[in-house]
Amino acid sequence: MKSADGFLLEAKGTEIGATPAPAPHPLLFKPWISAPANIVVYEFSARLDENCEAAAAEQILKARCLYNAVIRCVRAVHGEMNAWVLERAGPRAKA
């Protein structure tokens, strides 16, 4: 048994059939490397009929436009923040 197995060792008696002597505290080998996390992968798909393909395409286009608008806002805020910091910075920081 390796110490990385993480098993609790049993106390052993002195004679065959004898009651094991109680240990002052259990000896536990803890693994050096943690066990891998339980990873579950789900895969989803959708089958669209001809009647809803146009509506689905429209929703995808709206989602992309919303994403692009959010990114524009984030970039604008970031640019304004940098300009504000540089405006108040000293000449060494501006250089």
Protein backbone atom coordinates (compact mmCIF):
# COMPACT_ATOMS: atom_id res chain seq x y z
CA MET A 1 0.00 0.00 0.00
CA LYS A 2 1.25 3.45 -0.88
CA SER A 3 0.76 6.38 1.42
CA ALA A 4 -1.17 8.10 -1.38
CA ASP A 5 -3.88 5.41 -1.27
CA GLY A 6 -5.48 7.10 1.74
CA PHE A 7 -6.48 3.94 3.64
CA LEU A 8 -6.97 3.75 7.38
CA LEU A 9 -4.58 1.18 8.79
CA GLU A 10 -6.04 -1.39 11.18
CA ALA A 11 -4.61 -2.01 14.63
CA LYS A 12 -3.16 -5.54 14.96
CA GLY A 13 -3.35 -7.84 17.97
CA THR A 14 -0.36 -9.70 19.37
CA GLU A 15 -1.83 -13.21 18.95
CA ILE A 16 -4.07 -14.85 16.38
CA GLY A 17 -7.67 -14.40 17.47
CA ALA A 18 -6.74 -11.85 20.13
CA THR A 19 -8.68 -8.63 20.38
CA PRO A 20 -6.78 -5.78 18.73
CA ALA A 21 -5.27 -3.28 21.12
CA PRO A 22 -6.90 0.12 20.81
CA ALA A 23 -4.70 2.67 19.15
CA PRO A 24 -4.26 6.06 20.88
CA HIS A 25 -5.34 7.67 17.61
CA PRO A 26 -6.02 6.17 14.20
CA LEU A 27 -3.16 6.33 11.71
CA LEU A 28 -4.46 7.82 8.51
CA PHE A 29 -2.43 8.19 5.37
CA LYS A 30 -3.64 11.27 3.54
CA PRO A 31 -3.12 11.44 -0.21
CA TRP A 32 -0.49 13.88 -1.41
CA ILE A 33 -2.45 14.65 -4.55
CA SER A 34 -6.16 15.35 -4.36
CA ALA A 35 -8.52 13.10 -6.26
CA PRO A 36 -9.78 14.46 -9.59
CA ALA A 37 -13.09 16.26 -9.44
CA ASN A 38 -16.19 14.54 -10.74
CA ILE A 39 -16.57 16.01 -14.20
CA VAL A 40 -19.80 15.62 -16.10
CA VAL A 41 -20.20 16.85 -19.65
CA TYR A 42 -23.65 17.46 -21.03
CA GLU A 43 -24.30 17.95 -24.70
CA PHE A 44 -27.49 19.63 -25.85
CA SER A 45 -28.83 20.19 -29.31
CA ALA A 46 -32.03 21.38 -30.90
CA ARG A 47 -33.83 20.22 -33.99
CA LEU A 48 -35.61 23.08 -35.68
CA ASP A 49 -38.39 22.65 -38.16
CA GLU A 50 -38.77 24.93 -41.15
CA ASN A 51 -41.35 27.11 -39.41
CA CYS A 52 -39.07 28.22 -36.59
CA GLU A 53 -35.68 28.45 -38.34
CA ALA A 54 -36.20 32.13 -39.16
CA ALA A 55 -37.25 32.95 -35.57
CA ALA A 56 -34.22 31.10 -34.17
CA ALA A 57 -31.88 32.91 -36.58
CA GLU A 58 -33.43 36.23 -35.52
CA GLN A 59 -32.88 35.43 -31.83
CA ILE A 60 -29.25 34.45 -32.49
CA LEU A 61 -28.73 37.74 -34.37
CA LYS A 62 -30.30 39.69 -31.48
CA ALA A 63 -28.05 37.87 -28.96
CA ARG A 64 -24.95 38.71 -31.01
CA CYS A 65 -25.99 42.36 -31.30
CA LEU A 66 -26.59 42.54 -27.54
CA TYR A 67 -23.19 40.96 -26.86
CA ASN A 68 -21.48 43.48 -29.17
CA ALA A 69 -23.30 46.37 -27.46
CA VAL A 70 -22.19 45.15 -24.02
CA ILE A 71 -18.58 44.89 -25.23
CA ARG A 72 -18.76 48.44 -26.64
CA CYS A 73 -19.98 49.69 -23.24
CA VAL A 74 -17.22 47.83 -21.39
CA ARG A 75 -14.58 49.26 -23.72
CA ALA A 76 -16.00 52.78 -23.34
CA VAL A 77 -15.97 52.55 -19.55
CA HIS A 78 -12.44 51.14 -19.60
CA GLY A 79 -11.24 53.95 -21.88
CA GLU A 80 -12.89 56.63 -19.74
CA MET A 81 -11.41 55.08 -16.61
CA ASN A 82 -7.90 55.09 -18.09
CA ALA A 83 -8.32 58.70 -19.26
CA TRP A 84 -9.51 59.73 -15.76
CA VAL A 85 -6.55 58.04 -14.08
CA LEU A 86 -4.02 59.52 -16.53
CA GLU A 87 -5.57 62.98 -16.13
CA ARG A 88 -4.83 62.87 -12.40
CA ALA A 89 -1.47 61.10 -12.71
CA GLY A 90 1.85 62.81 -12.47
CA PRO A 91 4.14 63.44 -15.43
CA ARG A 92 6.20 60.32 -14.74
CA ALA A 93 3.10 58.11 -14.92
CA LYS A 94 1.92 59.86 -18.08
CA ALA A 95 5.27 59.18 -19.72
